[in-house]
Amino acid sequence: MANHRPRRHDGTTLIEVLVTMVILAFGLLGLAAFQSKVQIGSLESYQRAQAVILLADMQARMNGNYVNAGSYVGATYGAGDTVTSCAGVAAGGARDRCEWSLALLGGSEKGTDASNLGAMTGARGCVTQIQARVSNPGVSCVRGIYLVSVAWQGLHATIPPSPVCGKGQYGEDTMRRVITARVVAGTPECF
């Protein structure tokens, strides 16, 4: 009598292949979600870097024109502004304000169709006076302290920022981003 042994199958079954495919699919979905988060984080980082550059630009403009630093006070720079060109604007504070507004609107980088590409989503600039201009008696000194802010719309909700620049302009306040810097502008004798 012949001894029949059942044949051993070497290899994988269809069930094992299906389980492997399901596990792989979940892993790929996780990678896709991670890629989406990375893209959002990268864009948020780019917008913050642009805001820092624009903030430093206004600080430099105010320090360069310290005698007229009070003329920069305003909260209508950028978003909602109707400025399209600074061609006819005279040099000085008016020209600085116009150029900063254009930069906030993204005018520093143009696309092939001449559309604005630079800056952030809904960029807005604010300059407020914190301390009035003071003169020291006996010294030709005039000094003021200002708060320069740049606000823009973020891509995901965070804790609402405390500065008021752009408040109520981006829907939920948790979507608003703001960076600020103090500018102490005055004649050299004050320091």
N, C-alpha and C. Protein backbone atom coordinates (compact mmCIF):
# COMPACT_ATOMS: atom_id res chain seq x y z
N MET A 1 0.82 -1.15 0.00
CA MET A 1 0.00 0.00 0.00
C MET A 1 0.88 1.23 0.00
N ALA A 2 0.49 2.13 -0.79
CA ALA A 2 1.29 3.35 -0.94
C ALA A 2 0.91 4.33 0.16
N ASN A 3 1.92 4.95 0.67
CA ASN A 3 1.70 5.93 1.73
C ASN A 3 1.53 7.30 1.07
N HIS A 4 0.33 7.84 1.19
CA HIS A 4 0.07 9.15 0.59
C HIS A 4 0.16 10.22 1.66
N ARG A 5 1.04 11.11 1.45
CA ARG A 5 1.12 12.27 2.34
C ARG A 5 0.51 13.47 1.63
N PRO A 6 -0.19 14.32 2.39
CA PRO A 6 -0.71 15.52 1.73
C PRO A 6 0.45 16.40 1.26
N ARG A 7 0.25 17.00 0.11
CA ARG A 7 1.31 17.86 -0.42
C ARG A 7 1.38 19.16 0.37
N ARG A 8 2.58 19.58 0.67
CA ARG A 8 2.78 20.89 1.32
C ARG A 8 2.80 21.94 0.25
N HIS A 9 2.13 23.04 0.54
CA HIS A 9 2.13 24.15 -0.41
C HIS A 9 3.13 25.18 0.08
N ASP A 10 4.04 25.49 -0.75
CA ASP A 10 4.98 26.56 -0.43
C ASP A 10 4.50 27.81 -1.15
N GLY A 11 4.48 28.91 -0.44
CA GLY A 11 4.03 30.16 -1.06
C GLY A 11 2.96 30.81 -0.20
N THR A 12 2.33 31.82 -0.75
CA THR A 12 1.35 32.59 0.01
C THR A 12 -0.04 32.31 -0.51
N THR A 13 -0.99 32.46 0.38
CA THR A 13 -2.37 32.29 -0.03
C THR A 13 -2.96 33.63 -0.38
N LEU A 14 -4.11 33.60 -1.00
CA LEU A 14 -4.80 34.83 -1.39
C LEU A 14 -5.15 35.68 -0.18
N ILE A 15 -5.51 35.07 0.92
CA ILE A 15 -5.84 35.81 2.14
C ILE A 15 -4.63 36.58 2.64
N GLU A 16 -3.48 35.97 2.64
CA GLU A 16 -2.26 36.65 3.09
C GLU A 16 -1.95 37.85 2.20
N VAL A 17 -2.15 37.71 0.92
CA VAL A 17 -1.90 38.81 -0.02
C VAL A 17 -2.88 39.95 0.24
N LEU A 18 -4.14 39.64 0.46
CA LEU A 18 -5.14 40.67 0.72
C LEU A 18 -4.84 41.42 2.03
N VAL A 19 -4.45 40.69 3.08
CA VAL A 19 -4.11 41.33 4.35
C VAL A 19 -2.92 42.26 4.16
N THR A 20 -1.94 41.84 3.42
CA THR A 20 -0.76 42.67 3.15
C THR A 20 -1.16 43.94 2.39
N MET A 21 -2.05 43.80 1.42
CA MET A 21 -2.48 44.97 0.65
C MET A 21 -3.26 45.96 1.51
N VAL A 22 -4.08 45.47 2.42
CA VAL A 22 -4.84 46.36 3.33
C VAL A 22 -3.88 47.12 4.23
N ILE A 23 -2.91 46.43 4.79
CA ILE A 23 -1.92 47.08 5.66
C ILE A 23 -1.14 48.13 4.88
N LEU A 24 -0.73 47.79 3.69
CA LEU A 24 0.00 48.73 2.84
C LEU A 24 -0.86 49.94 2.48
N ALA A 25 -2.15 49.73 2.20
CA ALA A 25 -3.05 50.84 1.87
C ALA A 25 -3.18 51.81 3.04
N PHE A 26 -3.33 51.28 4.26
CA PHE A 26 -3.41 52.16 5.43
C PHE A 26 -2.12 52.95 5.63
N GLY A 27 -1.00 52.31 5.40
CA GLY A 27 0.28 53.00 5.50
C GLY A 27 0.40 54.12 4.49
N LEU A 28 -0.03 53.88 3.25
CA LEU A 28 0.03 54.92 2.22
C LEU A 28 -0.93 56.06 2.50
N LEU A 29 -2.10 55.75 3.07
CA LEU A 29 -3.03 56.82 3.46
C LEU A 29 -2.41 57.69 4.56
N GLY A 30 -1.73 57.08 5.49
CA GLY A 30 -1.04 57.83 6.54
C GLY A 30 0.03 58.73 5.95
N LEU A 31 0.77 58.22 4.98
CA LEU A 31 1.80 59.05 4.32
C LEU A 31 1.17 60.22 3.58
N ALA A 32 0.04 60.00 2.92
CA ALA A 32 -0.63 61.08 2.20
C ALA A 32 -1.09 62.17 3.16
N ALA A 33 -1.65 61.78 4.31
CA ALA A 33 -2.08 62.76 5.31
C ALA A 33 -0.89 63.53 5.86
N PHE A 34 0.21 62.83 6.10
CA PHE A 34 1.43 63.48 6.59
C PHE A 34 1.95 64.48 5.56
N GLN A 35 1.94 64.11 4.28
CA GLN A 35 2.40 65.02 3.22
C GLN A 35 1.57 66.28 3.18
N SER A 36 0.27 66.14 3.37
CA SER A 36 -0.63 67.30 3.39
C SER A 36 -0.27 68.24 4.54
N LYS A 37 -0.04 67.68 5.72
CA LYS A 37 0.34 68.50 6.89
C LYS A 37 1.68 69.19 6.66
N VAL A 38 2.61 68.50 6.04
CA VAL A 38 3.93 69.08 5.76
C VAL A 38 3.79 70.26 4.80
N GLN A 39 2.94 70.12 3.79
CA GLN A 39 2.74 71.21 2.83
C GLN A 39 2.16 72.44 3.52
N ILE A 40 1.17 72.23 4.38
CA ILE A 40 0.57 73.35 5.10
C ILE A 40 1.60 74.02 6.01
N GLY A 41 2.38 73.22 6.71
CA GLY A 41 3.43 73.77 7.57
C GLY A 41 4.47 74.54 6.78
N SER A 42 4.81 74.05 5.62
CA SER A 42 5.78 74.72 4.76
C SER A 42 5.25 76.07 4.28
N LEU A 43 4.00 76.12 3.89
CA LEU A 43 3.40 77.37 3.43
C LEU A 43 3.28 78.36 4.59
N GLU A 44 2.89 77.88 5.77
CA GLU A 44 2.82 78.76 6.95
C GLU A 44 4.20 79.34 7.25
N SER A 45 5.22 78.52 7.15
CA SER A 45 6.59 78.98 7.40
C SER A 45 7.01 80.03 6.37
N TYR A 46 6.68 79.80 5.10
CA TYR A 46 7.00 80.77 4.04
C TYR A 46 6.31 82.11 4.32
N GLN A 47 5.02 82.05 4.70
CA GLN A 47 4.29 83.29 4.98
C GLN A 47 4.91 84.04 6.16
N ARG A 48 5.30 83.32 7.20
CA ARG A 48 5.94 83.98 8.35
C ARG A 48 7.26 84.63 7.95
N ALA A 49 8.04 83.96 7.12
CA ALA A 49 9.31 84.53 6.65
C ALA A 49 9.06 85.80 5.84
N GLN A 50 8.04 85.80 4.99
CA GLN A 50 7.68 86.99 4.22
C GLN A 50 7.26 88.12 5.17
N ALA A 51 6.50 87.79 6.20
CA ALA A 51 6.06 88.80 7.17
C ALA A 51 7.24 89.42 7.91
N VAL A 52 8.22 88.60 8.26
CA VAL A 52 9.42 89.11 8.95
C VAL A 52 10.17 90.09 8.05
N ILE A 53 10.29 89.76 6.77
CA ILE A 53 10.97 90.65 5.82
C ILE A 53 10.22 91.97 5.70
N LEU A 54 8.90 91.92 5.60
CA LEU A 54 8.10 93.15 5.48
C LEU A 54 8.14 93.97 6.76
N LEU A 55 8.17 93.30 7.90
CA LEU A 55 8.26 94.01 9.17
C LEU A 55 9.60 94.74 9.28
N ALA A 56 10.67 94.08 8.92
CA ALA A 56 12.01 94.69 8.96
C ALA A 56 12.09 95.85 7.96
N ASP A 57 11.40 95.71 6.84
CA ASP A 57 11.38 96.78 5.83
C ASP A 57 10.79 98.06 6.40
N MET A 58 9.63 97.94 7.08
CA MET A 58 9.01 99.15 7.65
C MET A 58 9.85 99.70 8.79
N GLN A 59 10.46 98.84 9.59
CA GLN A 59 11.34 99.33 10.65
C GLN A 59 12.47 100.18 10.06
N ALA A 60 13.08 99.69 9.01
CA ALA A 60 14.18 100.42 8.37
C ALA A 60 13.69 101.74 7.79
N ARG A 61 12.52 101.74 7.18
CA ARG A 61 11.96 102.97 6.61
C ARG A 61 11.71 104.01 7.70
N MET A 62 11.16 103.57 8.83
CA MET A 62 10.87 104.51 9.92
C MET A 62 12.16 105.03 10.55
N ASN A 63 13.15 104.16 10.71
CA ASN A 63 14.42 104.61 11.28
C ASN A 63 15.15 105.55 10.33
N GLY A 64 14.97 105.34 9.03
CA GLY A 64 15.59 106.22 8.04
C GLY A 64 14.94 107.59 7.97
N ASN A 65 13.69 107.68 8.40
CA ASN A 65 12.95 108.95 8.37
C ASN A 65 12.43 109.25 9.77
N TYR A 66 13.32 109.15 10.77
CA TYR A 66 12.93 109.27 12.17
C TYR A 66 12.27 110.59 12.53
N VAL A 67 12.62 111.65 11.83
CA VAL A 67 12.03 112.96 12.14
C VAL A 67 10.52 112.94 11.85
N ASN A 68 10.12 112.24 10.81
CA ASN A 68 8.70 112.16 10.43
C ASN A 68 8.10 110.79 10.73
N ALA A 69 8.60 110.09 11.72
CA ALA A 69 8.13 108.73 12.03
C ALA A 69 6.64 108.71 12.35
N GLY A 70 6.11 109.77 12.91
CA GLY A 70 4.69 109.84 13.23
C GLY A 70 3.79 109.79 12.01
N SER A 71 4.33 110.16 10.86
CA SER A 71 3.51 110.14 9.64
C SER A 71 3.24 108.72 9.14
N TYR A 72 3.90 107.71 9.70
CA TYR A 72 3.69 106.33 9.29
C TYR A 72 2.52 105.66 10.02
N VAL A 73 2.01 106.30 11.07
CA VAL A 73 0.95 105.71 11.87
C VAL A 73 -0.29 105.49 10.99
N GLY A 74 -0.80 104.26 11.00
CA GLY A 74 -1.99 103.91 10.23
C GLY A 74 -2.23 102.42 10.26
N ALA A 75 -3.45 102.02 9.93
CA ALA A 75 -3.78 100.59 9.96
C ALA A 75 -4.41 100.14 8.65
N THR A 76 -4.15 100.85 7.58
CA THR A 76 -4.81 100.51 6.31
C THR A 76 -3.80 100.10 5.25
N TYR A 77 -2.67 99.61 5.65
CA TYR A 77 -1.67 99.18 4.68
C TYR A 77 -1.98 97.77 4.20
N GLY A 78 -1.84 97.52 2.93
CA GLY A 78 -2.01 96.17 2.41
C GLY A 78 -3.44 95.83 2.06
N ALA A 79 -3.96 94.72 2.60
CA ALA A 79 -5.30 94.21 2.26
C ALA A 79 -6.34 95.30 2.36
N GLY A 80 -7.16 95.42 1.35
CA GLY A 80 -8.18 96.45 1.32
C GLY A 80 -7.68 97.76 0.76
N ASP A 81 -6.38 97.89 0.56
CA ASP A 81 -5.78 99.09 0.00
C ASP A 81 -5.98 99.09 -1.51
N THR A 82 -6.15 100.25 -2.09
CA THR A 82 -6.38 100.34 -3.53
C THR A 82 -5.15 100.79 -4.30
N VAL A 83 -4.00 100.84 -3.65
CA VAL A 83 -2.77 101.28 -4.29
C VAL A 83 -2.35 100.29 -5.37
N THR A 84 -2.05 100.79 -6.56
CA THR A 84 -1.56 99.91 -7.63
C THR A 84 -0.18 100.33 -8.13
N SER A 85 0.19 101.59 -7.85
CA SER A 85 1.49 102.09 -8.28
C SER A 85 1.91 103.25 -7.40
N CYS A 86 3.21 103.42 -7.23
CA CYS A 86 3.74 104.54 -6.45
C CYS A 86 4.46 105.53 -7.36
N ALA A 87 4.20 105.47 -8.65
CA ALA A 87 4.92 106.28 -9.62
C ALA A 87 4.82 107.78 -9.34
N GLY A 88 3.66 108.29 -8.99
CA GLY A 88 3.51 109.72 -8.80
C GLY A 88 3.67 110.19 -7.37
N VAL A 89 4.08 109.31 -6.48
CA VAL A 89 4.19 109.66 -5.06
C VAL A 89 5.59 110.20 -4.78
N ALA A 90 5.63 111.35 -4.12
CA ALA A 90 6.91 111.99 -3.81
C ALA A 90 7.71 111.16 -2.80
N ALA A 91 8.99 111.38 -2.77
CA ALA A 91 9.88 110.67 -1.84
C ALA A 91 9.54 111.04 -0.40
N GLY A 92 10.00 110.23 0.53
CA GLY A 92 9.76 110.47 1.94
C GLY A 92 8.75 109.51 2.50
N GLY A 93 8.06 109.94 3.55
CA GLY A 93 7.11 109.09 4.25
C GLY A 93 5.98 108.60 3.36
N ALA A 94 5.44 109.47 2.50
CA ALA A 94 4.33 109.07 1.62
C ALA A 94 4.78 107.95 0.66
N ARG A 95 5.98 108.08 0.13
CA ARG A 95 6.50 107.06 -0.79
C ARG A 95 6.75 105.75 -0.04
N ASP A 96 7.32 105.84 1.17
CA ASP A 96 7.56 104.65 1.99
C ASP A 96 6.26 103.91 2.27
N ARG A 97 5.21 104.65 2.67
CA ARG A 97 3.92 104.03 2.97
C ARG A 97 3.34 103.36 1.74
N CYS A 98 3.43 104.01 0.61
CA CYS A 98 2.92 103.46 -0.64
C CYS A 98 3.67 102.18 -1.03
N GLU A 99 4.98 102.21 -0.96
CA GLU A 99 5.78 101.04 -1.34
C GLU A 99 5.55 99.87 -0.38
N TRP A 100 5.38 100.18 0.91
CA TRP A 100 5.12 99.12 1.88
C TRP A 100 3.76 98.48 1.62
N SER A 101 2.78 99.31 1.29
CA SER A 101 1.45 98.79 0.95
C SER A 101 1.52 97.85 -0.25
N LEU A 102 2.26 98.27 -1.28
CA LEU A 102 2.41 97.43 -2.47
C LEU A 102 3.11 96.12 -2.13
N ALA A 103 4.13 96.19 -1.27
CA ALA A 103 4.84 94.98 -0.87
C ALA A 103 3.92 94.04 -0.09
N LEU A 104 3.06 94.59 0.78
CA LEU A 104 2.10 93.77 1.51
C LEU A 104 1.10 93.11 0.57
N LEU A 105 0.79 93.78 -0.52
CA LEU A 105 -0.14 93.22 -1.51
C LEU A 105 0.54 92.21 -2.42
N GLY A 106 1.84 92.01 -2.24
CA GLY A 106 2.57 91.03 -3.04
C GLY A 106 3.20 91.59 -4.28
N GLY A 107 3.29 92.91 -4.39
CA GLY A 107 3.82 93.56 -5.58
C GLY A 107 5.31 93.39 -5.80
N SER A 108 6.02 92.83 -4.82
CA SER A 108 7.47 92.68 -4.98
C SER A 108 7.82 91.50 -5.89
N GLU A 109 6.90 90.57 -6.08
CA GLU A 109 7.12 89.42 -6.96
C GLU A 109 5.94 89.34 -7.92
N LYS A 110 6.24 89.31 -9.22
CA LYS A 110 5.19 89.26 -10.24
C LYS A 110 5.23 87.94 -11.00
N GLY A 111 4.05 87.46 -11.39
CA GLY A 111 3.96 86.26 -12.22
C GLY A 111 4.11 86.64 -13.68
N THR A 112 4.06 85.65 -14.55
CA THR A 112 4.20 85.92 -15.98
C THR A 112 3.04 86.75 -16.52
N ASP A 113 1.89 86.69 -15.85
CA ASP A 113 0.74 87.50 -16.27
C ASP A 113 0.66 88.82 -15.50
N ALA A 114 1.75 89.23 -14.86
CA ALA A 114 1.88 90.48 -14.09
C ALA A 114 1.03 90.48 -12.82
N SER A 115 0.56 89.32 -12.37
CA SER A 115 -0.18 89.25 -11.12
C SER A 115 0.80 89.22 -9.95
N ASN A 116 0.34 89.71 -8.80
CA ASN A 116 1.17 89.73 -7.60
C ASN A 116 1.30 88.33 -7.01
N LEU A 117 2.52 87.91 -6.73
CA LEU A 117 2.77 86.57 -6.18
C LEU A 117 3.35 86.60 -4.78
N GLY A 118 4.02 87.68 -4.42
CA GLY A 118 4.72 87.73 -3.14
C GLY A 118 3.79 87.92 -1.97
N ALA A 119 4.35 87.98 -0.80
CA ALA A 119 3.66 88.25 0.46
C ALA A 119 2.76 87.11 0.91
N MET A 120 1.82 87.43 1.76
CA MET A 120 1.00 86.42 2.42
C MET A 120 -0.46 86.58 2.01
N THR A 121 -1.28 85.64 2.44
CA THR A 121 -2.72 85.70 2.16
C THR A 121 -3.34 86.80 3.02
N GLY A 122 -3.92 87.80 2.38
CA GLY A 122 -4.59 88.88 3.10
C GLY A 122 -3.66 89.72 3.95
N ALA A 123 -2.45 89.95 3.50
CA ALA A 123 -1.46 90.70 4.30
C ALA A 123 -1.96 92.11 4.61
N ARG A 124 -1.72 92.53 5.83
CA ARG A 124 -2.15 93.85 6.30
C ARG A 124 -1.09 94.38 7.24
N GLY A 125 -0.77 95.65 7.13
CA GLY A 125 0.22 96.27 7.99
C GLY A 125 -0.40 97.34 8.86
N CYS A 126 0.08 97.46 10.08
CA CYS A 126 -0.40 98.46 11.03
C CYS A 126 0.79 99.11 11.72
N VAL A 127 0.71 100.42 11.88
CA VAL A 127 1.71 101.15 12.66
C VAL A 127 0.94 101.98 13.67
N THR A 128 1.18 101.72 14.95
CA THR A 128 0.52 102.48 16.02
C THR A 128 1.57 103.16 16.89
N GLN A 129 1.18 104.27 17.46
CA GLN A 129 2.09 105.00 18.33
C GLN A 129 1.86 104.55 19.76
N ILE A 130 2.93 104.08 20.40
CA ILE A 130 2.83 103.60 21.79
C ILE A 130 3.12 104.74 22.76
N GLN A 131 4.14 105.51 22.47
CA GLN A 131 4.52 106.64 23.32
C GLN A 131 4.62 107.87 22.44
N ALA A 132 4.05 108.94 22.94
CA ALA A 132 4.06 110.19 22.18
C ALA A 132 5.49 110.69 22.01
N ARG A 133 5.64 111.49 21.01
CA ARG A 133 6.95 112.08 20.77
C ARG A 133 7.27 113.04 21.91
N VAL A 134 8.43 112.85 22.49
CA VAL A 134 8.85 113.67 23.62
C VAL A 134 10.10 114.45 23.25
N SER A 135 10.18 115.65 23.76
CA SER A 135 11.39 116.46 23.56
C SER A 135 12.07 116.63 24.89
N ASN A 136 13.38 116.47 24.91
CA ASN A 136 14.14 116.72 26.13
C ASN A 136 14.50 118.19 26.18
N PRO A 137 14.19 118.88 27.27
CA PRO A 137 14.52 120.29 27.38
C PRO A 137 16.04 120.53 27.34
N GLY A 138 16.43 121.53 26.62
CA GLY A 138 17.84 121.88 26.53
C GLY A 138 18.61 121.09 25.49
N VAL A 139 18.01 120.04 24.94
CA VAL A 139 18.66 119.20 23.93
C VAL A 139 17.71 119.10 22.74
N SER A 140 18.25 119.21 21.55
CA SER A 140 17.38 119.08 20.38
C SER A 140 17.10 117.59 20.15
N CYS A 141 16.14 117.09 20.91
CA CYS A 141 15.84 115.66 20.90
C CYS A 141 14.34 115.46 20.74
N VAL A 142 13.97 114.66 19.75
CA VAL A 142 12.57 114.29 19.56
C VAL A 142 12.54 112.77 19.38
N ARG A 143 11.72 112.10 20.19
CA ARG A 143 11.69 110.65 20.14
C ARG A 143 10.27 110.13 20.32
N GLY A 144 9.91 109.06 19.61
CA GLY A 144 8.62 108.41 19.75
C GLY A 144 8.81 106.90 19.67
N ILE A 145 7.89 106.17 20.28
CA ILE A 145 7.94 104.72 20.23
C ILE A 145 6.71 104.22 19.49
N TYR A 146 6.92 103.34 18.53
CA TYR A 146 5.86 102.85 17.66
C TYR A 146 5.84 101.33 17.65
N LEU A 147 4.67 100.77 17.40
CA LEU A 147 4.53 99.33 17.25
C LEU A 147 4.16 99.06 15.79
N VAL A 148 5.04 98.34 15.10
CA VAL A 148 4.80 97.96 13.71
C VAL A 148 4.33 96.52 13.71
N SER A 149 3.21 96.24 13.03
CA SER A 149 2.64 94.90 12.99
C SER A 149 2.36 94.48 11.56
N VAL A 150 2.50 93.20 11.30
CA VAL A 150 2.09 92.61 10.03
C VAL A 150 1.17 91.45 10.36
N ALA A 151 -0.05 91.47 9.78
CA ALA A 151 -1.03 90.42 10.01
C ALA A 151 -1.37 89.74 8.69
N TRP A 152 -1.74 88.47 8.76
CA TRP A 152 -2.15 87.73 7.57
C TRP A 152 -3.02 86.57 7.98
N GLN A 153 -3.64 85.91 7.00
CA GLN A 153 -4.51 84.78 7.28
C GLN A 153 -3.72 83.48 7.25
N GLY A 154 -3.86 82.72 8.31
CA GLY A 154 -3.21 81.42 8.39
C GLY A 154 -4.02 80.33 7.71
N LEU A 155 -3.49 79.13 7.67
CA LEU A 155 -4.15 78.02 6.99
C LEU A 155 -4.85 77.05 7.93
N HIS A 156 -4.54 77.13 9.23
CA HIS A 156 -5.21 76.28 10.21
C HIS A 156 -5.36 77.07 11.50
N ALA A 157 -6.28 76.67 12.33
CA ALA A 157 -6.58 77.40 13.56
C ALA A 157 -5.46 77.23 14.59
N THR A 158 -5.15 78.33 15.28
CA THR A 158 -4.20 78.32 16.40
C THR A 158 -4.78 79.20 17.50
N ILE A 159 -3.99 79.50 18.49
CA ILE A 159 -4.42 80.40 19.56
C ILE A 159 -4.48 81.82 18.99
N PRO A 160 -5.56 82.56 19.26
CA PRO A 160 -5.67 83.92 18.70
C PRO A 160 -4.54 84.82 19.23
N PRO A 161 -3.90 85.59 18.34
CA PRO A 161 -2.84 86.50 18.78
C PRO A 161 -3.41 87.70 19.53
N SER A 162 -2.63 88.29 20.43
CA SER A 162 -3.12 89.42 21.22
C SER A 162 -3.04 90.76 20.49
N PRO A 163 -2.07 91.03 19.59
CA PRO A 163 -2.09 92.33 18.90
C PRO A 163 -3.38 92.50 18.10
N VAL A 164 -3.83 93.75 17.98
CA VAL A 164 -5.13 94.01 17.35
C VAL A 164 -5.06 94.17 15.83
N CYS A 165 -3.90 94.25 15.25
CA CYS A 165 -3.77 94.44 13.81
C CYS A 165 -4.50 93.31 13.06
N GLY A 166 -5.43 93.67 12.20
CA GLY A 166 -6.16 92.71 11.40
C GLY A 166 -7.28 91.99 12.13
N LYS A 167 -7.58 92.39 13.36
CA LYS A 167 -8.62 91.71 14.15
C LYS A 167 -9.96 91.81 13.43
N GLY A 168 -10.64 90.67 13.30
CA GLY A 168 -11.95 90.63 12.65
C GLY A 168 -11.90 90.62 11.12
N GLN A 169 -10.71 90.54 10.55
CA GLN A 169 -10.58 90.60 9.09
C GLN A 169 -10.44 89.24 8.43
N TYR A 170 -10.26 88.18 9.22
CA TYR A 170 -9.98 86.87 8.65
C TYR A 170 -10.97 85.80 9.13
N GLY A 171 -12.19 86.19 9.39
CA GLY A 171 -13.17 85.23 9.91
C GLY A 171 -12.86 84.95 11.38
N GLU A 172 -12.69 83.68 11.70
CA GLU A 172 -12.33 83.30 13.07
C GLU A 172 -10.99 83.93 13.44
N ASP A 173 -10.89 84.46 14.64
CA ASP A 173 -9.64 85.09 15.07
C ASP A 173 -8.51 84.08 15.22
N THR A 174 -8.85 82.80 15.29
CA THR A 174 -7.82 81.76 15.39
C THR A 174 -7.09 81.55 14.06
N MET A 175 -7.59 82.14 12.98
CA MET A 175 -6.95 82.03 11.67
C MET A 175 -6.00 83.20 11.42
N ARG A 176 -6.01 84.19 12.29
CA ARG A 176 -5.18 85.40 12.11
C ARG A 176 -3.79 85.15 12.68
N ARG A 177 -2.78 85.59 11.94
CA ARG A 177 -1.39 85.54 12.39
C ARG A 177 -0.88 86.97 12.45
N VAL A 178 -0.10 87.29 13.46
CA VAL A 178 0.46 88.64 13.62
C VAL A 178 1.86 88.55 14.19
N ILE A 179 2.77 89.34 13.62
CA ILE A 179 4.08 89.55 14.23
C ILE A 179 4.24 91.04 14.44
N THR A 180 4.97 91.43 15.47
CA THR A 180 5.13 92.84 15.80
C THR A 180 6.58 93.15 16.15
N ALA A 181 6.90 94.42 16.07
CA ALA A 181 8.22 94.90 16.51
C ALA A 181 8.05 96.35 16.96
N ARG A 182 8.80 96.71 17.96
CA ARG A 182 8.80 98.11 18.42
C ARG A 182 9.88 98.88 17.67
N VAL A 183 9.53 100.10 17.35
CA VAL A 183 10.48 101.00 16.70
C VAL A 183 10.61 102.23 17.56
N VAL A 184 11.81 102.51 17.99
CA VAL A 184 12.08 103.74 18.73
C VAL A 184 12.76 104.68 17.73
N ALA A 185 12.02 105.70 17.33
CA ALA A 185 12.54 106.62 16.32
C ALA A 185 12.77 107.98 16.97
N GLY A 186 13.92 108.54 16.71
CA GLY A 186 14.24 109.85 17.25
C GLY A 186 15.58 110.33 16.80
N THR A 187 15.88 111.55 17.13
CA THR A 187 17.16 112.14 16.75
C THR A 187 18.29 111.47 17.56
N PRO A 188 19.48 111.42 17.03
CA PRO A 188 20.57 110.73 17.72
C PRO A 188 20.87 111.27 19.11
N GLU A 189 20.56 112.52 19.37
CA GLU A 189 20.83 113.10 20.70
C GLU A 189 20.00 112.45 21.79
N CYS A 190 18.92 111.78 21.42
CA CYS A 190 18.02 111.17 22.40
C CYS A 190 18.58 109.89 22.98
N PHE A 191 19.54 109.28 22.34
CA PHE A 191 19.99 107.95 22.75
C PHE A 191 21.31 107.96 23.44
